[in-house]
Amino acid sequence: MSRNLERAVPYLRTFTSLLISETKTRLGLSIFIVDVDRDYKIQVAYYAQGRENVATVNTLRAAAGLPRITVQQNKKKITWTLKSKHITNLDDEDIANDLSRAVDIGLKDHNGRYVGDSYADLNKDHIRDYKQIGLLGEELGKGHIKWGGRFGDEPHFEVI
């Protein structure tokens, strides 16, 4: 798992840089990259969260090199698929599988702290910030980008 935009396909790199810039210019909001690419073992551990008991989840997290989580943390699902466009496969010979086709962003408050609340309205315009960012992303990537808010994952953008 990384935040390195160089681990994404070229179109996604350009789109994400533009999204960060235009979010600041048009919406007065600051965003950052949370996740670009991840190994399949990490995806399996993420998918198990909220679906399996905490012991099973923590076994999978350990195998993926992730820290343990609590029973409370295990109540929340954090991904909806095992076929994420974040997944890369460096073990096969197909170089098309080496780069991510998805990125997750995070919102920063005015002190630079992460805001994960999907109802946040930091720019005080009575519209949820993640929704505004998602709609802006759809506009900027029209025909090439799918916003995760259309399927319940507002911080997520992926190449179509």
Protein backbone atom coordinates (compact mmCIF):
# COMPACT_ATOMS: atom_id res chain seq x y z
CA MET A 1 0.00 0.00 0.00
CA SER A 2 1.39 3.36 -0.90
CA ARG A 3 0.56 6.99 -1.44
CA ASN A 4 3.05 7.22 -4.30
CA LEU A 5 1.23 8.54 -7.35
CA GLU A 6 4.00 7.14 -9.55
CA ARG A 7 2.49 3.71 -8.77
CA ALA A 8 -0.63 4.68 -10.79
CA VAL A 9 -1.27 4.56 -14.53
CA PRO A 10 -0.28 7.83 -16.27
CA TYR A 11 -3.85 9.08 -16.80
CA LEU A 12 -4.64 8.65 -13.09
CA ARG A 13 -1.48 10.57 -12.12
CA THR A 14 -2.53 13.53 -14.27
CA PHE A 15 -6.14 13.37 -13.10
CA THR A 16 -5.24 13.21 -9.40
CA SER A 17 -2.83 16.14 -9.61
CA LEU A 18 -5.53 18.17 -11.39
CA LEU A 19 -8.16 17.12 -8.84
CA ILE A 20 -5.95 18.24 -5.93
CA SER A 21 -5.33 21.61 -7.58
CA GLU A 22 -8.91 22.25 -8.73
CA THR A 23 -10.35 21.19 -5.35
CA LYS A 24 -8.28 23.95 -3.74
CA THR A 25 -9.05 26.54 -6.43
CA ARG A 26 -12.76 25.89 -6.97
CA LEU A 27 -13.90 24.57 -3.60
CA GLY A 28 -11.39 26.08 -1.18
CA LEU A 29 -10.66 22.59 0.17
CA SER A 30 -7.41 20.70 0.65
CA ILE A 31 -7.14 17.02 -0.20
CA PHE A 32 -4.29 14.51 -0.19
CA ILE A 33 -3.60 11.01 -1.46
CA VAL A 34 -4.52 8.29 1.03
CA ASP A 35 -3.98 5.16 -1.07
CA VAL A 36 -2.79 4.37 -4.58
CA ASP A 37 -1.76 0.74 -4.92
CA ARG A 38 -1.97 -2.33 -2.72
CA ASP A 39 -0.96 -5.96 -2.74
CA TYR A 40 -3.68 -8.62 -3.04
CA LYS A 41 -3.00 -9.82 0.55
CA ILE A 42 -3.84 -6.34 1.82
CA GLN A 43 -7.04 -6.30 -0.22
CA VAL A 44 -8.07 -9.67 1.26
CA ALA A 45 -7.44 -8.38 4.79
CA TYR A 46 -9.40 -5.20 4.07
CA TYR A 47 -12.28 -7.17 2.57
CA ALA A 48 -12.47 -9.45 5.60
CA GLN A 49 -12.84 -6.46 7.94
CA GLY A 50 -16.46 -6.12 8.99
CA ARG A 51 -17.30 -9.53 7.49
CA GLU A 52 -15.21 -11.97 9.54
CA ASN A 53 -14.48 -12.23 13.26
CA VAL A 54 -11.64 -10.07 14.57
CA ALA A 55 -9.29 -13.05 15.09
CA THR A 56 -9.59 -14.05 11.43
CA VAL A 57 -9.20 -10.44 10.30
CA ASN A 58 -6.09 -9.96 12.43
CA THR A 59 -4.56 -13.18 11.06
CA LEU A 60 -5.09 -11.86 7.53
CA ARG A 61 -3.77 -8.43 8.51
CA ALA A 62 -0.63 -10.00 9.99
CA ALA A 63 -0.04 -11.97 6.78
CA ALA A 64 -0.31 -8.69 4.84
CA GLY A 65 2.02 -6.82 7.21
CA LEU A 66 -0.78 -4.67 8.64
CA PRO A 67 -1.30 -3.82 12.33
CA ARG A 68 -3.97 -5.55 14.40
CA ILE A 69 -7.37 -3.93 14.84
CA THR A 70 -9.86 -3.97 17.70
CA VAL A 71 -13.30 -5.56 17.85
CA GLN A 72 -14.77 -2.05 17.55
CA GLN A 73 -12.71 -1.27 14.43
CA ASN A 74 -13.79 -4.59 12.93
CA LYS A 75 -17.43 -3.46 12.91
CA LYS A 76 -16.78 -1.22 9.91
CA LYS A 77 -16.35 -2.53 6.37
CA ILE A 78 -13.60 -0.71 4.51
CA THR A 79 -13.84 -2.16 1.01
CA TRP A 80 -16.57 -3.67 -1.09
CA THR A 81 -14.66 -5.93 -3.45
CA LEU A 82 -11.79 -8.35 -3.83
CA LYS A 83 -11.29 -7.06 -7.38
CA SER A 84 -10.16 -3.54 -6.51
CA LYS A 85 -8.48 -1.41 -9.13
CA HIS A 86 -5.92 -0.55 -6.42
CA ILE A 87 -4.44 -4.05 -6.66
CA THR A 88 -1.16 -4.50 -8.45
CA ASN A 89 0.56 -7.75 -9.35
CA LEU A 90 4.31 -7.50 -9.72
CA ASP A 91 4.66 -11.30 -9.78
CA ASP A 92 3.21 -11.90 -13.23
CA GLU A 93 4.85 -10.94 -16.52
CA ASP A 94 2.11 -8.54 -17.62
CA ILE A 95 3.41 -4.99 -17.05
CA ALA A 96 -0.17 -3.69 -17.37
CA ASN A 97 -0.78 -5.21 -13.91
CA ASP A 98 2.08 -3.31 -12.28
CA LEU A 99 0.28 0.02 -11.85
CA SER A 100 -2.85 0.99 -9.94
CA ARG A 101 -5.98 2.14 -11.69
CA ALA A 102 -7.50 3.71 -8.57
CA VAL A 103 -6.74 6.34 -5.95
CA ASP A 104 -8.35 7.23 -2.62
CA ILE A 105 -8.18 10.80 -1.38
CA GLY A 106 -8.65 12.35 2.04
CA LEU A 107 -9.90 15.76 3.11
CA LYS A 108 -7.73 17.99 5.32
CA ASP A 109 -9.13 20.47 7.79
CA HIS A 110 -7.69 23.98 8.17
CA ASN A 111 -5.06 22.60 10.57
CA GLY A 112 -3.95 19.95 8.08
CA ARG A 113 -5.61 17.05 9.90
CA TYR A 114 -7.45 14.26 8.08
CA VAL A 115 -11.25 14.53 8.05
CA GLY A 116 -12.97 11.22 7.32
CA ASP A 117 -16.50 12.37 8.14
CA SER A 118 -18.54 11.99 4.96
CA TYR A 119 -20.87 14.76 6.19
CA ALA A 120 -18.08 17.32 6.64
CA ASP A 121 -18.73 20.80 5.25
CA LEU A 122 -15.47 22.61 5.88
CA ASN A 123 -16.10 25.27 3.25
CA LYS A 124 -19.48 26.04 4.89
CA ASP A 125 -21.54 26.04 1.68
CA HIS A 126 -24.12 23.54 2.99
CA ILE A 127 -22.96 20.80 0.59
CA ARG A 128 -21.03 17.76 1.82
CA ASP A 129 -17.36 18.23 0.89
CA TYR A 130 -16.71 14.66 -0.25
CA LYS A 131 -19.74 14.89 -2.54
CA GLN A 132 -18.47 18.17 -4.00
CA ILE A 133 -15.03 16.68 -4.55
CA GLY A 134 -16.57 13.61 -6.18
CA LEU A 135 -18.70 15.64 -8.56
CA LEU A 136 -15.70 17.80 -9.44
CA GLY A 137 -13.69 14.63 -10.11
CA GLU A 138 -16.41 13.35 -12.43
CA GLU A 139 -16.35 16.65 -14.30
CA LEU A 140 -12.54 16.68 -14.62
CA GLY A 141 -12.33 13.03 -15.65
CA LYS A 142 -15.49 12.91 -17.76
CA GLY A 143 -15.62 9.63 -19.65
CA HIS A 144 -12.39 8.35 -18.10
CA ILE A 145 -12.96 8.37 -14.32
CA LYS A 146 -15.59 6.72 -12.14
CA TRP A 147 -16.23 8.28 -8.72
CA GLY A 148 -16.66 5.81 -5.86
CA GLY A 149 -19.47 7.88 -4.36
CA ARG A 150 -21.71 6.29 -6.97
CA PHE A 151 -21.26 2.96 -5.15
CA GLY A 152 -20.73 4.05 -1.53
CA ASP A 153 -16.99 4.88 -1.47
CA GLU A 154 -16.79 8.66 -1.67
CA PRO A 155 -12.99 9.09 -1.35
CA HIS A 156 -12.38 6.66 -4.28
CA PHE A 157 -11.70 7.42 -7.96
CA GLU A 158 -10.85 4.86 -10.61
CA VAL A 159 -10.01 4.77 -14.30
CA ILE A 160 -12.87 3.34 -16.35
